[in-house]
Every structure is written in structure tokens, then in C-alpha cells.
Amino acid sequence: MPAAWTDKDERQYEHVKDSERKEGRPMKRAKAIAAATVNKRRSAEGRAKKGQAAKKGQAAKKRTAKRSR
């Protein structure tokens, strides 16, 4: 469990991971989906740092905004 995750985050991670496994996803993919889900919620709540992927998304939004003017 990452240090920044709360017990609630860990429970959500385990629940999503188990659900993905029941759907037939491989363990590695299920873990990735679960972690992304938890981090997405943490980010929406303002508890997560913005990573490289978020920065790339911001750059794409800026380019799109410039074109539409």
C-alpha cells in the first residue's frame, strides 16, 4: 500500500481488483485498473499529486483551445 493511501483507499483497491479478476482480467491488469481507480478518486478529492499523465492531458487541452479560437 502506498504511504499516502488511507485504509479506505486500500479497501477500494482490493474491491476493484477482486471485481476485475472475477471479470477474467489477468492479475497484472486488474492491479493496474484498481490503482488507477483509487488514484483517480484521490485526485478528484485533491489528495493526489498531479503526475506526468495529468500534465500531458493539460497540454492537449491547451492545444485544442488554441485551435478553436
C-alpha atoms as a PDB file:
ATOM      1  CA  MET A   1       0.000   0.000   0.000  1.00  0.00           C
ATOM      2  CA  PRO A   2       1.451   3.392  -0.932  1.00  0.00           C
ATOM      3  CA  ALA A   3       2.163   5.569   2.098  1.00  0.00           C
ATOM      4  CA  ALA A   4      -0.345   8.231   1.020  1.00  0.00           C
ATOM      5  CA  TRP A   5      -3.247   5.763   0.766  1.00  0.00           C
ATOM      6  CA  THR A   6      -5.733   5.532   3.616  1.00  0.00           C
ATOM      7  CA  ASP A   7      -7.376   2.335   4.841  1.00  0.00           C
ATOM      8  CA  LYS A   8     -10.429   3.285   2.782  1.00  0.00           C
ATOM      9  CA  ASP A   9      -8.282   3.617  -0.348  1.00  0.00           C
ATOM     10  CA  GLU A  10      -6.800   0.180   0.299  1.00  0.00           C
ATOM     11  CA  ARG A  11     -10.260  -1.382   0.735  1.00  0.00           C
ATOM     12  CA  GLN A  12     -11.425   0.194  -2.521  1.00  0.00           C
ATOM     13  CA  TYR A  13      -8.286  -1.074  -4.287  1.00  0.00           C
ATOM     14  CA  GLU A  14      -8.887  -4.640  -3.079  1.00  0.00           C
ATOM     15  CA  HIS A  15     -12.563  -4.499  -4.037  1.00  0.00           C
ATOM     16  CA  VAL A  16     -11.878  -3.220  -7.562  1.00  0.00           C
ATOM     17  CA  LYS A  17      -9.012  -5.708  -8.037  1.00  0.00           C
ATOM     18  CA  ASP A  18     -11.230  -8.624  -6.987  1.00  0.00           C
ATOM     19  CA  SER A  19     -14.029  -7.422  -9.255  1.00  0.00           C
ATOM     20  CA  GLU A  20     -11.686  -7.194 -12.231  1.00  0.00           C
ATOM     21  CA  ARG A  21     -10.341 -10.701 -11.530  1.00  0.00           C
ATOM     22  CA  LYS A  22     -13.916 -12.034 -11.481  1.00  0.00           C
ATOM     23  CA  GLU A  23     -14.404 -10.450 -14.899  1.00  0.00           C
ATOM     24  CA  GLY A  24     -11.478 -12.552 -16.138  1.00  0.00           C
ATOM     25  CA  ARG A  25      -8.749  -9.946 -16.308  1.00  0.00           C
ATOM     26  CA  PRO A  26      -5.149 -11.033 -15.608  1.00  0.00           C
ATOM     27  CA  MET A  27      -3.804 -10.120 -12.149  1.00  0.00           C
ATOM     28  CA  LYS A  28      -1.348  -7.537 -13.501  1.00  0.00           C
ATOM     29  CA  ARG A  29      -4.108  -5.732 -15.436  1.00  0.00           C
ATOM     30  CA  ALA A  30      -6.562  -5.969 -12.512  1.00  0.00           C
ATOM     31  CA  LYS A  31      -3.992  -4.335 -10.198  1.00  0.00           C
ATOM     32  CA  ALA A  32      -3.360  -1.548 -12.712  1.00  0.00           C
ATOM     33  CA  ILE A  33      -7.078  -0.835 -13.107  1.00  0.00           C
ATOM     34  CA  ALA A  34      -7.609  -0.867  -9.331  1.00  0.00           C
ATOM     35  CA  ALA A  35      -4.702   1.504  -8.677  1.00  0.00           C
ATOM     36  CA  ALA A  36      -5.852   3.883 -11.414  1.00  0.00           C
ATOM     37  CA  THR A  37      -9.374   3.889  -9.986  1.00  0.00           C
ATOM     38  CA  VAL A  38      -8.181   4.726  -6.473  1.00  0.00           C
ATOM     39  CA  ASN A  39      -5.781   7.399  -7.716  1.00  0.00           C
ATOM     40  CA  LYS A  40      -8.482   8.954  -9.901  1.00  0.00           C
ATOM     41  CA  ARG A  41     -10.755   9.340  -6.855  1.00  0.00           C
ATOM     42  CA  ARG A  42      -7.889  10.678  -4.728  1.00  0.00           C
ATOM     43  CA  SER A  43      -7.053  13.213  -7.424  1.00  0.00           C
ATOM     44  CA  ALA A  44     -10.677  14.322  -7.705  1.00  0.00           C
ATOM     45  CA  GLU A  45     -10.688  14.891  -3.945  1.00  0.00           C
ATOM     46  CA  GLY A  46      -7.453  16.901  -4.172  1.00  0.00           C
ATOM     47  CA  ARG A  47      -5.413  14.330  -2.214  1.00  0.00           C
ATOM     48  CA  ALA A  48      -3.102  13.184  -5.024  1.00  0.00           C
ATOM     49  CA  LYS A  49      -0.228  14.910  -6.758  1.00  0.00           C
ATOM     50  CA  LYS A  50      -0.623  15.509 -10.430  1.00  0.00           C
ATOM     51  CA  GLY A  51       1.640  13.148 -12.346  1.00  0.00           C
ATOM     52  CA  GLN A  52       3.140  13.156 -15.796  1.00  0.00           C
ATOM     53  CA  ALA A  53      -0.038  11.765 -17.375  1.00  0.00           C
ATOM     54  CA  ALA A  54      -2.074  14.654 -15.984  1.00  0.00           C
ATOM     55  CA  LYS A  55       0.435  17.147 -17.365  1.00  0.00           C
ATOM     56  CA  LYS A  56       0.182  15.590 -20.825  1.00  0.00           C
ATOM     57  CA  GLY A  57      -3.602  15.895 -20.695  1.00  0.00           C
ATOM     58  CA  GLN A  58      -3.366  19.575 -19.789  1.00  0.00           C
ATOM     59  CA  ALA A  59      -1.071  20.229 -22.759  1.00  0.00           C
ATOM     60  CA  ALA A  60      -3.551  18.558 -25.125  1.00  0.00           C
ATOM     61  CA  LYS A  61      -6.388  20.700 -23.757  1.00  0.00           C
ATOM     62  CA  LYS A  62      -4.350  23.862 -24.319  1.00  0.00           C
ATOM     63  CA  ARG A  63      -3.593  22.913 -27.927  1.00  0.00           C
ATOM     64  CA  THR A  64      -7.268  22.208 -28.601  1.00  0.00           C
ATOM     65  CA  ALA A  65      -8.323  25.511 -27.045  1.00  0.00           C
ATOM     66  CA  LYS A  66      -5.881  27.463 -29.226  1.00  0.00           C
ATOM     67  CA  ARG A  67      -7.201  25.859 -32.409  1.00  0.00           C
ATOM     68  CA  SER A  68     -10.831  26.594 -31.647  1.00  0.00           C
ATOM     69  CA  ARG A  69     -10.378  30.364 -31.307  1.00  0.00           C
END
